[in-house]
């Protein structure tokens, strides 16, 4: 397998975590977003959206981090990243989407670039935008975790939801977001980071982070 990704991309980090949890080897292919390498014709040949991550598994070319993780869960079932029961699967997917759909799209790199470059938003205002959506979005996750507390987002083992949560916390810290108002979120984050799969795939550990 080949994973086309960028060390600071939270969506890419999600997939790196899932691959590590399942013990799967892959070739790391860096696509440096700050240098606009995703716009190169060679990458456009494999990615119609010119986004990361992209996973190539034999003849299969897969995009969108949540779809990639579910593909990995179906093709390599152990350890499972989705619960066996339908209500559990729905809750895990819903928690993941609380972040992947309600928080992340509003603060990814191309949105922030558009705010600054096209709308001429000042850096300080751009950062306020970022912090608002991250902090209020994580409040939703906090309330949901508080309603059904467990070691991880759902139960005693990491799931798809944890793969999505941890990278968002890394981004939140990078932009100095307030996190003291989400203690349940941070408790789950700490439980995840105690595991090698989350720690060894963190952005700073990636080969293109240098």
Foldseek 3Di string as FASTA:
>chain_A
DEKEEALLDLLSQLQLLLCVQLVHDYHYHYQHVVVPSLVDPVNCVQDVVSDDTWDDDPPDIDDDSVVSSVVCCVVRVPPHQFDPDPVRNVQLVVLLCLPVPQQPVCQDDVNLCCCCPVVVDDPVVSLVSNLVSLVVSLVVLLVQCVVPPEQASGHDDHHSNRSRLLSSVVVCVVSVHDDPVRVSSVSNNVSVCVDPSSVCSHSCNDPVND
